[in-house]
Amino acid sequence: MEVLMTASTIVSGANMVALGVLIGVFAKMYSKTKAQLPLGMIFFAGLLFLHNVIGVYAYFTMMELYGSALLPYLLAVHVAEFAGILIFLRITLQ
């Protein structure tokens, strides 16, 4: 059980790093163009970042409340989110 919780926490941390890079890229775009789209993307990435922060906090503070049957699904959600963020980052950097 603890291994899956640790894996979810690591993937959430990786999500936060990738989202931080995305926020930085969009902030740079916004500072150059003053367009509204990068501003919306900063907001979107910021909310996803907050989601991951809350998730990691919940793992550490309420670890004993998570059922072991739920942990593989939580890990799968975080891995899918990480894949999506990486694809989004790659498209953004091209």
Protein backbone atom coordinates (compact mmCIF):
# COMPACT_ATOMS: atom_id res chain seq x y z
CA MET A 1 0.00 0.00 0.00
CA GLU A 2 2.71 2.45 0.93
CA VAL A 3 4.61 1.77 -2.32
CA LEU A 4 1.64 2.87 -4.44
CA MET A 5 1.15 5.94 -2.25
CA THR A 6 4.82 6.83 -2.66
CA ALA A 7 4.61 6.31 -6.43
CA SER A 8 1.54 8.58 -6.62
CA THR A 9 3.38 11.23 -4.63
CA ILE A 10 6.41 11.05 -6.92
CA VAL A 11 4.25 11.29 -10.04
CA SER A 12 2.38 14.25 -8.51
CA GLY A 13 5.73 15.92 -7.86
CA ALA A 14 6.73 15.34 -11.48
CA ASN A 15 3.39 16.85 -12.52
CA MET A 16 4.15 19.94 -10.45
CA VAL A 17 7.59 20.32 -12.05
CA ALA A 18 6.16 20.00 -15.58
CA LEU A 19 3.33 22.40 -14.75
CA GLY A 20 5.84 24.87 -13.32
CA VAL A 21 7.73 24.77 -16.62
CA LEU A 22 4.45 25.29 -18.51
CA ILE A 23 3.53 28.24 -16.33
CA GLY A 24 6.96 29.75 -16.97
CA VAL A 25 6.65 29.28 -20.74
CA PHE A 26 3.18 30.80 -20.81
CA ALA A 27 4.27 33.69 -18.58
CA LYS A 28 7.09 34.43 -21.02
CA MET A 29 4.62 34.30 -23.93
CA TYR A 30 2.25 36.61 -22.12
CA SER A 31 4.97 39.13 -21.29
CA LYS A 32 5.96 39.30 -24.96
CA THR A 33 2.52 39.33 -26.58
CA LYS A 34 0.00 40.44 -23.93
CA ALA A 35 -2.41 37.98 -25.57
CA GLN A 36 -5.23 36.49 -23.51
CA LEU A 37 -4.61 32.84 -24.44
CA PRO A 38 -1.35 32.48 -22.47
CA LEU A 39 -3.03 34.13 -19.51
CA GLY A 40 -5.81 31.53 -19.63
CA MET A 41 -3.25 28.75 -19.92
CA ILE A 42 -1.41 30.09 -16.86
CA PHE A 43 -4.68 29.96 -14.94
CA PHE A 44 -5.41 26.42 -16.19
CA ALA A 45 -1.92 25.13 -15.39
CA GLY A 46 -2.08 26.88 -12.01
CA LEU A 47 -5.27 25.04 -11.11
CA LEU A 48 -3.74 21.72 -12.12
CA PHE A 49 -0.68 22.61 -10.02
CA LEU A 50 -2.98 23.33 -7.06
CA HIS A 51 -4.74 19.99 -7.63
CA ASN A 52 -1.40 18.18 -7.32
CA VAL A 53 -0.35 20.15 -4.24
CA ILE A 54 -3.62 19.27 -2.52
CA GLY A 55 -3.23 15.63 -3.59
CA VAL A 56 0.26 15.33 -2.14
CA TYR A 57 -0.83 17.08 1.05
CA ALA A 58 -3.79 14.70 1.36
CA TYR A 59 -1.53 11.69 0.89
CA PHE A 60 0.74 12.75 3.72
CA THR A 61 -1.94 13.91 6.16
CA MET A 62 -4.63 11.28 5.52
CA MET A 63 -2.58 8.27 4.46
CA GLU A 64 -4.38 5.92 6.83
CA LEU A 65 -7.79 6.87 5.41
CA TYR A 66 -7.03 5.71 1.87
CA GLY A 67 -8.20 2.18 1.11
CA SER A 68 -5.62 -0.07 -0.49
CA ALA A 69 -8.06 -0.93 -3.31
CA LEU A 70 -8.24 2.75 -4.28
CA LEU A 71 -4.49 3.34 -4.59
CA PRO A 72 -3.92 1.75 -8.04
CA TYR A 73 -6.65 3.96 -9.48
CA LEU A 74 -5.19 7.10 -7.92
CA LEU A 75 -1.78 6.21 -9.34
CA ALA A 76 -3.32 5.60 -12.77
CA VAL A 77 -5.01 9.01 -12.68
CA HIS A 78 -1.73 10.74 -11.79
CA VAL A 79 0.19 8.85 -14.48
CA ALA A 80 -2.45 9.73 -17.10
CA GLU A 81 -2.34 13.36 -15.99
CA PHE A 82 1.47 13.33 -16.23
CA ALA A 83 1.31 11.91 -19.77
CA GLY A 84 -1.16 14.60 -20.79
CA ILE A 85 0.93 17.37 -19.26
CA LEU A 86 4.07 16.10 -21.01
CA ILE A 87 2.26 16.03 -24.37
CA PHE A 88 0.92 19.53 -23.70
CA LEU A 89 4.42 20.72 -22.79
CA ARG A 90 5.95 19.19 -25.89
CA ILE A 91 3.34 20.80 -28.15
CA THR A 92 3.81 24.14 -26.38
CA LEU A 93 7.59 24.09 -26.81
CA GLN A 94 7.44 23.29 -30.54
